[in-house]
Protein backbone atom coordinates (compact mmCIF):
# COMPACT_ATOMS: atom_id res chain seq x y z
CA MET A 1 96.63 92.33 127.28
CA SER A 2 98.10 92.85 123.83
CA GLU A 3 96.79 95.67 121.35
CA PRO A 4 94.40 94.49 119.36
CA GLY A 5 95.45 92.77 116.22
CA ILE A 6 98.78 92.41 117.59
CA PRO A 7 100.64 89.27 119.33
CA ALA A 8 101.32 88.82 122.55
CA SER A 9 105.06 88.24 123.27
CA SER A 10 103.59 84.72 124.13
CA GLU A 11 101.53 84.63 121.06
CA ARG A 12 104.50 85.44 118.33
CA PRO A 13 104.07 83.93 115.33
CA ILE A 14 106.50 82.10 113.01
CA VAL A 15 107.41 84.91 110.84
CA THR A 16 106.95 84.47 107.12
CA GLY A 17 110.13 85.64 105.36
CA ILE A 18 108.78 89.51 105.81
CA ARG A 19 112.42 91.63 105.88
CA LEU A 20 110.82 95.11 104.99
CA ALA A 21 107.47 96.88 105.08
CA VAL A 22 107.40 100.00 102.87
CA PHE A 23 104.21 102.28 103.40
CA ASP A 24 102.94 105.02 101.67
CA LEU A 25 102.26 107.61 103.68
CA ASP A 26 99.13 110.11 102.94
CA GLY A 27 96.13 107.38 103.33
CA THR A 28 98.53 105.32 104.69
CA LEU A 29 100.38 106.36 107.90
CA ILE A 30 98.28 109.48 107.88
CA ARG A 31 94.69 109.78 107.81
CA GLY A 32 92.74 112.71 107.42
CA ARG A 33 93.70 115.41 105.59
CA THR A 34 96.92 115.27 103.39
CA LEU A 35 100.42 115.96 104.43
CA CYS A 36 100.15 118.86 102.08
CA GLU A 37 96.66 119.95 103.62
CA VAL A 38 98.27 120.12 106.67
CA ILE A 39 100.80 122.33 106.30
CA ALA A 40 98.59 124.92 103.73
CA ASP A 41 96.60 124.72 106.71
CA GLY A 42 99.18 126.46 108.71
CA ILE A 43 100.28 128.76 106.47
CA GLY A 44 96.95 130.13 105.39
CA HIS A 45 96.58 128.70 102.47
CA GLY A 46 94.40 125.74 102.89
CA ASP A 47 91.39 126.63 100.37
CA ARG A 48 93.54 126.88 97.52
CA MET A 49 95.34 123.50 99.00
CA HIS A 50 91.90 121.96 98.67
CA ALA A 51 91.55 122.79 94.95
CA LEU A 52 95.02 121.11 94.30
CA GLU A 53 94.53 118.21 95.82
CA ARG A 54 92.77 117.20 92.91
CA ALA A 55 95.41 117.37 90.05
CA GLN A 56 95.72 114.25 88.60
CA SER A 57 98.46 114.51 85.43
CA ILE A 58 102.12 114.77 85.98
CA GLU A 59 101.94 118.11 84.44
CA GLU A 60 99.04 119.25 87.38
CA VAL A 61 101.01 117.67 89.97
CA VAL A 62 104.32 119.31 88.80
CA ALA A 63 102.50 122.65 88.36
CA ALA A 64 100.59 122.42 92.06
CA ARG A 65 104.05 121.62 93.72
CA GLU A 66 105.70 124.41 92.25
CA GLU A 67 102.63 126.62 93.65
CA MET A 68 103.46 125.56 96.96
CA ALA A 69 106.91 125.85 96.48
CA GLY A 70 106.43 129.61 96.40
CA TRP A 71 104.17 129.24 99.52
CA TYR A 72 106.50 127.52 101.34
CA ARG A 73 109.48 129.97 100.40
CA ASP A 74 107.13 133.15 101.63
CA ALA A 75 105.99 130.99 105.00
CA GLY A 76 110.07 129.99 105.75
CA PHE A 77 111.45 126.86 105.39
CA ASP A 78 111.97 126.27 109.10
CA CYS A 79 108.00 126.62 109.92
CA LEU A 80 106.93 123.91 108.08
CA ARG A 81 108.67 120.67 109.64
CA PRO A 82 106.86 121.57 113.21
CA LEU A 83 103.41 121.71 111.25
CA CYS A 84 103.40 118.56 109.37
CA LEU A 85 103.32 116.70 113.11
CA ASP A 86 99.49 118.47 113.00
CA VAL A 87 98.88 115.45 111.25
CA GLU A 88 96.40 112.64 112.40
CA LEU A 89 98.62 109.12 112.37
CA ALA A 90 96.49 105.89 111.34
CA PRO A 91 95.17 104.13 114.06
CA GLY A 92 97.73 102.01 115.94
CA ALA A 93 100.62 103.58 113.89
CA VAL A 94 102.67 103.27 116.15
CA GLU A 95 102.40 100.34 118.10
CA ALA A 96 102.39 98.48 114.42
CA CYS A 97 105.58 100.20 114.01
CA ASP A 98 106.98 98.87 117.52
CA VAL A 99 106.18 95.59 116.91
CA LEU A 100 107.29 95.13 113.53
CA ARG A 101 110.69 96.62 114.32
CA ASP A 102 110.41 94.12 117.50
CA PHE A 103 109.91 91.12 114.80
CA GLY A 104 113.44 92.45 112.94
CA VAL A 105 111.16 94.18 110.27
CA ASP A 106 112.67 97.30 108.79
CA LEU A 107 110.68 99.71 107.86
CA ALA A 108 110.54 102.70 105.36
CA ILE A 109 108.12 105.18 103.91
CA ALA A 110 107.49 105.54 100.43
CA SER A 111 105.53 108.91 98.80
CA ILE A 112 105.01 110.99 96.52
CA THR A 113 104.92 114.09 98.91
CA TRP A 114 107.46 116.41 99.89
CA ILE A 115 110.59 114.64 101.60
CA LEU A 116 110.25 117.12 104.52
CA GLY A 117 106.98 116.04 105.82
CA VAL A 118 107.88 112.70 105.15
CA GLU A 119 110.95 112.60 107.27
CA ALA A 120 109.09 114.38 110.43
CA ILE A 121 106.68 111.59 110.49
CA ALA A 122 109.25 109.12 110.16
CA GLU A 123 111.65 110.13 113.18
CA LEU A 124 108.57 110.40 114.87
CA LEU A 125 107.65 106.62 114.43
CA GLY A 126 111.30 105.80 114.44
CA ILE A 127 111.95 104.89 110.59
CA GLU A 128 114.97 105.34 108.83
CA ARG A 129 114.51 105.05 105.19
CA CYS A 130 112.35 107.58 103.33
CA LEU A 131 111.63 108.30 99.84
CA GLY A 132 109.68 112.05 99.20
CA THR A 133 109.83 114.91 96.69
CA THR A 134 112.89 117.30 97.70
CA LEU A 135 112.51 120.89 97.49
CA HIS A 136 115.75 122.79 97.72
CA ILE A 137 116.51 126.29 99.06
CA ASP A 138 117.01 127.21 95.84
CA GLY A 139 113.85 125.99 94.14
CA ARG A 140 114.48 123.44 92.77
CA ILE A 141 112.05 120.75 92.86
CA ASP A 142 113.36 116.63 92.86
CA HIS A 143 110.66 115.45 91.68
CA VAL A 144 108.65 111.71 92.40
CA PHE A 145 105.89 110.45 90.79
CA GLY A 146 103.87 106.68 92.03
CA ASP A 147 106.35 104.66 89.32
CA ASP A 148 108.99 105.66 91.40
CA LYS A 149 108.39 104.01 94.11
CA ALA A 150 108.86 100.57 92.64
CA ALA A 151 112.09 101.62 91.49
CA TRP A 152 113.27 102.87 94.70
CA ILE A 153 112.16 99.79 96.50
CA ALA A 154 114.49 98.14 94.39
CA HIS A 155 117.67 99.50 95.05
CA LEU A 156 116.98 98.90 98.93
CA GLY A 157 119.29 95.45 98.54
CA VAL A 158 115.79 93.29 99.50
CA PRO A 159 114.85 90.71 97.78
CA PRO A 160 111.00 91.06 96.33
CA GLU A 161 109.43 88.11 98.11
CA GLU A 162 110.99 89.76 101.44
CA ILE A 163 108.47 93.15 101.45
CA ALA A 164 105.82 94.26 102.32
CA ALA A 165 104.36 97.17 100.87
CA VAL A 166 100.85 98.82 102.51
CA GLY A 167 99.22 101.90 99.91
CA ASP A 168 95.80 103.21 99.60
CA SER A 169 95.26 104.64 95.83
CA ASP A 170 95.93 104.00 92.30
CA ARG A 171 99.61 106.18 93.02
CA ASP A 172 100.76 103.03 95.00
CA VAL A 173 99.72 100.20 92.77
CA GLU A 174 103.67 99.59 91.06
CA MET A 175 104.67 99.72 94.34
CA LEU A 176 102.16 96.94 95.42
CA ARG A 177 103.11 95.01 92.33
CA ALA A 178 106.87 95.02 93.12
CA VAL A 179 106.48 93.21 96.47
CA GLY A 180 105.82 89.62 97.69
CA LEU A 181 103.03 91.06 100.22
CA PRO A 182 101.03 93.56 98.35
CA ILE A 183 98.15 95.50 101.15
CA PHE A 184 96.20 97.66 100.01
CA VAL A 185 93.80 99.82 103.19
CA GLY A 186 92.02 102.26 100.81
CA THR A 187 88.34 102.61 100.79
CA THR A 188 87.94 102.91 97.01
CA PRO A 189 89.43 99.92 95.01
CA VAL A 190 91.72 100.89 91.91
CA ASP A 191 92.81 98.85 88.48
CA GLY A 192 96.16 97.14 88.57
CA LEU A 193 96.45 95.48 91.90
CA PRO A 194 98.25 92.01 92.24
CA ALA A 195 95.86 89.18 92.33
CA ASP A 196 97.16 88.43 95.50
CA THR A 197 96.49 91.70 97.22
CA VAL A 198 95.64 91.56 100.81
CA TYR A 199 92.34 93.87 100.98
CA LEU A 200 92.12 95.97 104.85
CA PRO A 201 90.38 99.21 103.70
CA ASP A 202 91.02 101.71 106.24
CA ALA A 203 92.73 99.78 108.42
CA ASP A 204 94.09 99.82 112.03
CA LEU A 205 97.58 99.75 111.33
CA ARG A 206 98.22 96.74 114.18
CA ASP A 207 96.06 94.57 111.56
CA VAL A 208 98.16 95.36 109.16
CA ALA A 209 101.48 94.00 111.42
CA ARG A 210 99.46 91.23 112.30
CA VAL A 211 98.86 89.84 108.39
CA ILE A 212 102.75 91.00 107.71
CA LEU A 213 103.90 88.86 111.14
CA SER A 214 101.26 85.86 110.50
């Protein structure tokens, strides 16, 4: 029996030409606590992190990241990556990634959060291409913001009409506007989404895979 929303091998559809599926991380590939909240809970800064999650402007986000970077240096970088695996994967995340690969769709994660966590989740799901904010050993931060996602996708060498993107917030709008198949899984509508956006609020990712392949 096939998984919900996933075609059985005998029911495989004709793929519509999508060669690459790009997923946001927080709220899309993972649900519940954000990656930053998971790390902060593991090193004793959970309460403060909940406040920092309300940062909206670039200046606020930069200040929040600089504060988090101090926590991470104090805790030791080696302990951070294992903590990232305490995230709650979205329903069907593993199965959806597997079936998309089976159909020849490449996978990527485009996130504004820390690349060390993005890469940990990517490895868990068998995803090779990732975008995220980098914290260097010397304390430098290479920041990634929502608008950077679209620019990164444009350099992956795949025509926009052959790319699907999946996001859940206003920080994903530019990414979704830059691809041929935009899919929004957020529960709260946001302004600026393309008219042809497929809305699947809080969706099981097996259903997202079905849309990409159908």
